[in-house]
Amino acid sequence: MLKWALIFLVISIIAGALGFTGVSAAASRLSKILFVVALLIFVVLLVLGLMAGEVIF
């Protein structure tokens, strides 16, 4: 997921440098959404892992 966020970030930077503002804005928005989703998945799995660790130990 983070890989795709970075890919869209690079696309956004390149498109912005070339003057394609619409493509740049769309790629930037997708990059932000994918980053937030990846961060939420990480936090959920971290909490579940900590709770499972407490149950076992």
PDB file of N, CA and C in Angstrom:
ATOM      1  N   MET A   1       0.835  -1.183   0.000  1.00  0.00           N
ATOM      2  CA  MET A   1       0.000   0.000   0.000  1.00  0.00           C
ATOM      3  C   MET A   1       0.880   1.248   0.000  1.00  0.00           C
ATOM      4  N   LEU A   2       1.918   1.223   0.824  1.00  0.00           N
ATOM      5  CA  LEU A   2       2.816   2.375   0.841  1.00  0.00           C
ATOM      6  C   LEU A   2       3.556   2.524  -0.483  1.00  0.00           C
ATOM      7  N   LYS A   3       3.804   1.394  -1.141  1.00  0.00           N
ATOM      8  CA  LYS A   3       4.471   1.439  -2.441  1.00  0.00           C
ATOM      9  C   LYS A   3       3.628   2.234  -3.438  1.00  0.00           C
ATOM     10  N   TRP A   4       2.328   1.973  -3.460  1.00  0.00           N
ATOM     11  CA  TRP A   4       1.443   2.692  -4.380  1.00  0.00           C
ATOM     12  C   TRP A   4       1.334   4.158  -3.995  1.00  0.00           C
ATOM     13  N   ALA A   5       1.351   4.454  -2.694  1.00  0.00           N
ATOM     14  CA  ALA A   5       1.308   5.846  -2.256  1.00  0.00           C
ATOM     15  C   ALA A   5       2.547   6.592  -2.751  1.00  0.00           C
ATOM     16  N   LEU A   6       3.702   5.953  -2.657  1.00  0.00           N
ATOM     17  CA  LEU A   6       4.930   6.588  -3.141  1.00  0.00           C
ATOM     18  C   LEU A   6       4.920   6.745  -4.658  1.00  0.00           C
ATOM     19  N   ILE A   7       4.388   5.760  -5.362  1.00  0.00           N
ATOM     20  CA  ILE A   7       4.305   5.852  -6.827  1.00  0.00           C
ATOM     21  C   ILE A   7       3.428   7.038  -7.231  1.00  0.00           C
ATOM     22  N   PHE A   8       2.265   7.185  -6.590  1.00  0.00           N
ATOM     23  CA  PHE A   8       1.388   8.304  -6.917  1.00  0.00           C
ATOM     24  C   PHE A   8       2.001   9.633  -6.496  1.00  0.00           C
ATOM     25  N   LEU A   9       2.797   9.639  -5.443  1.00  0.00           N
ATOM     26  CA  LEU A   9       3.487  10.859  -5.042  1.00  0.00           C
ATOM     27  C   LEU A   9       4.497  11.283  -6.104  1.00  0.00           C
ATOM     28  N   VAL A  10       5.252  10.338  -6.616  1.00  0.00           N
ATOM     29  CA  VAL A  10       6.228  10.642  -7.671  1.00  0.00           C
ATOM     30  C   VAL A  10       5.512  11.120  -8.936  1.00  0.00           C
ATOM     31  N   ILE A  11       4.411  10.458  -9.288  1.00  0.00           N
ATOM     32  CA  ILE A  11       3.632  10.887 -10.455  1.00  0.00           C
ATOM     33  C   ILE A  11       3.133  12.319 -10.260  1.00  0.00           C
ATOM     34  N   SER A  12       2.679  12.618  -9.051  1.00  0.00           N
ATOM     35  CA  SER A  12       2.186  13.961  -8.762  1.00  0.00           C
ATOM     36  C   SER A  12       3.290  15.007  -8.900  1.00  0.00           C
ATOM     37  N   ILE A  13       4.477  14.698  -8.394  1.00  0.00           N
ATOM     38  CA  ILE A  13       5.590  15.643  -8.475  1.00  0.00           C
ATOM     39  C   ILE A  13       6.003  15.865  -9.925  1.00  0.00           C
ATOM     40  N   ILE A  14       6.108  14.799 -10.689  1.00  0.00           N
ATOM     41  CA  ILE A  14       6.514  14.917 -12.091  1.00  0.00           C
ATOM     42  C   ILE A  14       5.451  15.671 -12.897  1.00  0.00           C
ATOM     43  N   ALA A  15       4.177  15.336 -12.667  1.00  0.00           N
ATOM     44  CA  ALA A  15       3.106  16.020 -13.392  1.00  0.00           C
ATOM     45  C   ALA A  15       3.055  17.500 -13.026  1.00  0.00           C
ATOM     46  N   GLY A  16       3.289  17.811 -11.774  1.00  0.00           N
ATOM     47  CA  GLY A  16       3.310  19.207 -11.358  1.00  0.00           C
ATOM     48  C   GLY A  16       4.457  19.975 -11.990  1.00  0.00           C
ATOM     49  N   ALA A  17       5.611  19.322 -12.097  1.00  0.00           N
ATOM     50  CA  ALA A  17       6.770  19.969 -12.710  1.00  0.00           C
ATOM     51  C   ALA A  17       6.548  20.219 -14.204  1.00  0.00           C
ATOM     52  N   LEU A  18       5.782  19.336 -14.837  1.00  0.00           N
ATOM     53  CA  LEU A  18       5.522  19.483 -16.272  1.00  0.00           C
ATOM     54  C   LEU A  18       4.310  20.364 -16.569  1.00  0.00           C
ATOM     55  N   GLY A  19       3.593  20.781 -15.531  1.00  0.00           N
ATOM     56  CA  GLY A  19       2.481  21.696 -15.722  1.00  0.00           C
ATOM     57  C   GLY A  19       1.111  21.048 -15.813  1.00  0.00           C
ATOM     58  N   PHE A  20       1.031  19.759 -15.592  1.00  0.00           N
ATOM     59  CA  PHE A  20      -0.260  19.068 -15.610  1.00  0.00           C
ATOM     60  C   PHE A  20      -0.882  19.151 -14.220  1.00  0.00           C
ATOM     61  N   THR A  21      -1.521  20.271 -13.932  1.00  0.00           N
ATOM     62  CA  THR A  21      -2.002  20.501 -12.571  1.00  0.00           C
ATOM     63  C   THR A  21      -3.154  19.582 -12.191  1.00  0.00           C
ATOM     64  N   GLY A  22      -4.027  19.257 -13.140  1.00  0.00           N
ATOM     65  CA  GLY A  22      -5.145  18.363 -12.833  1.00  0.00           C
ATOM     66  C   GLY A  22      -4.676  16.964 -12.481  1.00  0.00           C
ATOM     67  N   VAL A  23      -3.750  16.447 -13.257  1.00  0.00           N
ATOM     68  CA  VAL A  23      -3.195  15.120 -12.995  1.00  0.00           C
ATOM     69  C   VAL A  23      -2.421  15.139 -11.690  1.00  0.00           C
ATOM     70  N   SER A  24      -1.699  16.213 -11.456  1.00  0.00           N
ATOM     71  CA  SER A  24      -0.911  16.338 -10.232  1.00  0.00           C
ATOM     72  C   SER A  24      -1.814  16.346  -8.998  1.00  0.00           C
ATOM     73  N   ALA A  25      -2.900  17.076  -9.062  1.00  0.00           N
ATOM     74  CA  ALA A  25      -3.823  17.149  -7.926  1.00  0.00           C
ATOM     75  C   ALA A  25      -4.482  15.805  -7.668  1.00  0.00           C
ATOM     76  N   ALA A  26      -4.890  15.123  -8.734  1.00  0.00           N
ATOM     77  CA  ALA A  26      -5.539  13.817  -8.570  1.00  0.00           C
ATOM     78  C   ALA A  26      -4.563  12.790  -8.003  1.00  0.00           C
ATOM     79  N   ALA A  27      -3.342  12.771  -8.498  1.00  0.00           N
ATOM     80  CA  ALA A  27      -2.347  11.825  -8.000  1.00  0.00           C
ATOM     81  C   ALA A  27      -1.983  12.136  -6.553  1.00  0.00           C
ATOM     82  N   SER A  28      -1.915  13.402  -6.224  1.00  0.00           N
ATOM     83  CA  SER A  28      -1.620  13.795  -4.847  1.00  0.00           C
ATOM     84  C   SER A  28      -2.726  13.341  -3.900  1.00  0.00           C
ATOM     85  N   ARG A  29      -3.968  13.522  -4.326  1.00  0.00           N
ATOM     86  CA  ARG A  29      -5.104  13.104  -3.500  1.00  0.00           C
ATOM     87  C   ARG A  29      -5.094  11.595  -3.287  1.00  0.00           C
ATOM     88  N   LEU A  30      -4.834  10.835  -4.357  1.00  0.00           N
ATOM     89  CA  LEU A  30      -4.763   9.377  -4.230  1.00  0.00           C
ATOM     90  C   LEU A  30      -3.617   8.959  -3.321  1.00  0.00           C
ATOM     91  N   SER A  31      -2.502   9.636  -3.430  1.00  0.00           N
ATOM     92  CA  SER A  31      -1.351   9.331  -2.594  1.00  0.00           C
ATOM     93  C   SER A  31      -1.678   9.536  -1.113  1.00  0.00           C
ATOM     94  N   LYS A  32      -2.342  10.640  -0.806  1.00  0.00           N
ATOM     95  CA  LYS A  32      -2.710  10.921   0.578  1.00  0.00           C
ATOM     96  C   LYS A  32      -3.695   9.889   1.111  1.00  0.00           C
ATOM     97  N   ILE A  33      -4.677   9.532   0.305  1.00  0.00           N
ATOM     98  CA  ILE A  33      -5.675   8.546   0.728  1.00  0.00           C
ATOM     99  C   ILE A  33      -5.021   7.196   0.992  1.00  0.00           C
ATOM    100  N   LEU A  34      -4.155   6.757   0.089  1.00  0.00           N
ATOM    101  CA  LEU A  34      -3.487   5.470   0.273  1.00  0.00           C
ATOM    102  C   LEU A  34      -2.581   5.484   1.497  1.00  0.00           C
ATOM    103  N   PHE A  35      -1.919   6.598   1.760  1.00  0.00           N
ATOM    104  CA  PHE A  35      -1.059   6.695   2.938  1.00  0.00           C
ATOM    105  C   PHE A  35      -1.872   6.594   4.215  1.00  0.00           C
ATOM    106  N   VAL A  36      -3.012   7.278   4.267  1.00  0.00           N
ATOM    107  CA  VAL A  36      -3.860   7.239   5.458  1.00  0.00           C
ATOM    108  C   VAL A  36      -4.418   5.834   5.671  1.00  0.00           C
ATOM    109  N   VAL A  37      -4.837   5.168   4.598  1.00  0.00           N
ATOM    110  CA  VAL A  37      -5.346   3.808   4.714  1.00  0.00           C
ATOM    111  C   VAL A  37      -4.255   2.870   5.228  1.00  0.00           C
ATOM    112  N   ALA A  38      -3.047   2.994   4.702  1.00  0.00           N
ATOM    113  CA  ALA A  38      -1.938   2.161   5.157  1.00  0.00           C
ATOM    114  C   ALA A  38      -1.630   2.433   6.625  1.00  0.00           C
ATOM    115  N   LEU A  39      -1.683   3.692   7.026  1.00  0.00           N
ATOM    116  CA  LEU A  39      -1.427   4.045   8.421  1.00  0.00           C
ATOM    117  C   LEU A  39      -2.500   3.475   9.345  1.00  0.00           C
ATOM    118  N   LEU A  40      -3.765   3.535   8.917  1.00  0.00           N
ATOM    119  CA  LEU A  40      -4.844   2.971   9.725  1.00  0.00           C
ATOM    120  C   LEU A  40      -4.715   1.452   9.859  1.00  0.00           C
ATOM    121  N   ILE A  41      -4.367   0.789   8.774  1.00  0.00           N
ATOM    122  CA  ILE A  41      -4.175  -0.660   8.829  1.00  0.00           C
ATOM    123  C   ILE A  41      -3.027  -1.000   9.775  1.00  0.00           C
ATOM    124  N   PHE A  42      -1.944  -0.230   9.725  1.00  0.00           N
ATOM    125  CA  PHE A  42      -0.818  -0.456  10.614  1.00  0.00           C
ATOM    126  C   PHE A  42      -1.224  -0.312  12.073  1.00  0.00           C
ATOM    127  N   VAL A  43      -1.977   0.745  12.393  1.00  0.00           N
ATOM    128  CA  VAL A  43      -2.388   0.988  13.776  1.00  0.00           C
ATOM    129  C   VAL A  43      -3.314  -0.119  14.266  1.00  0.00           C
ATOM    130  N   VAL A  44      -4.255  -0.542  13.433  1.00  0.00           N
ATOM    131  CA  VAL A  44      -5.174  -1.615  13.827  1.00  0.00           C
ATOM    132  C   VAL A  44      -4.411  -2.908  14.091  1.00  0.00           C
ATOM    133  N   LEU A  45      -3.490  -3.261  13.197  1.00  0.00           N
ATOM    134  CA  LEU A  45      -2.718  -4.491  13.395  1.00  0.00           C
ATOM    135  C   LEU A  45      -1.786  -4.378  14.597  1.00  0.00           C
ATOM    136  N   LEU A  46      -1.265  -3.201  14.859  1.00  0.00           N
ATOM    137  CA  LEU A  46      -0.423  -3.000  16.030  1.00  0.00           C
ATOM    138  C   LEU A  46      -1.214  -3.211  17.315  1.00  0.00           C
ATOM    139  N   VAL A  47      -2.405  -2.642  17.384  1.00  0.00           N
ATOM    140  CA  VAL A  47      -3.260  -2.800  18.567  1.00  0.00           C
ATOM    141  C   VAL A  47      -3.659  -4.263  18.736  1.00  0.00           C
ATOM    142  N   LEU A  48      -4.048  -4.923  17.643  1.00  0.00           N
ATOM    143  CA  LEU A  48      -4.413  -6.333  17.736  1.00  0.00           C
ATOM    144  C   LEU A  48      -3.234  -7.188  18.186  1.00  0.00           C
ATOM    145  N   GLY A  49      -2.049  -6.881  17.692  1.00  0.00           N
ATOM    146  CA  GLY A  49      -0.861  -7.613  18.113  1.00  0.00           C
ATOM    147  C   GLY A  49      -0.537  -7.415  19.573  1.00  0.00           C
ATOM    148  N   LEU A  50      -0.701  -6.195  20.066  1.00  0.00           N
ATOM    149  CA  LEU A  50      -0.454  -5.937  21.482  1.00  0.00           C
ATOM    150  C   LEU A  50      -1.480  -6.633  22.365  1.00  0.00           C
ATOM    151  N   MET A  51      -2.727  -6.640  21.917  1.00  0.00           N
ATOM    152  CA  MET A  51      -3.768  -7.326  22.691  1.00  0.00           C
ATOM    153  C   MET A  51      -3.537  -8.832  22.692  1.00  0.00           C
ATOM    154  N   ALA A  52      -3.110  -9.399  21.597  1.00  0.00           N
ATOM    155  CA  ALA A  52      -2.839 -10.835  21.522  1.00  0.00           C
ATOM    156  C   ALA A  52      -1.634 -11.172  22.392  1.00  0.00           C
ATOM    157  N   GLY A  53      -0.657 -10.288  22.439  1.00  0.00           N
ATOM    158  CA  GLY A  53       0.513 -10.508  23.284  1.00  0.00           C
ATOM    159  C   GLY A  53       0.151 -10.507  24.763  1.00  0.00           C
ATOM    160  N   GLU A  54      -0.778  -9.651  25.159  1.00  0.00           N
ATOM    161  CA  GLU A  54      -1.225  -9.615  26.543  1.00  0.00           C
ATOM    162  C   GLU A  54      -1.988 -10.867  26.931  1.00  0.00           C
ATOM    163  N   VAL A  55      -2.746 -11.414  25.983  1.00  0.00           N
ATOM    164  CA  VAL A  55      -3.521 -12.620  26.266  1.00  0.00           C
ATOM    165  C   VAL A  55      -2.578 -13.810  26.440  1.00  0.00           C
ATOM    166  N   ILE A  56      -1.563 -13.902  25.599  1.00  0.00           N
ATOM    167  CA  ILE A  56      -0.637 -15.021  25.652  1.00  0.00           C
ATOM    168  C   ILE A  56       0.252 -14.946  26.869  1.00  0.00           C
ATOM    169  N   PHE A  57       0.782 -13.757  27.171  1.00  0.00           N
ATOM    170  CA  PHE A  57       1.691 -13.617  28.310  1.00  0.00           C
ATOM    171  C   PHE A  57       0.935 -13.051  29.472  1.00  0.00           C
TER     172      PHE A  57
END
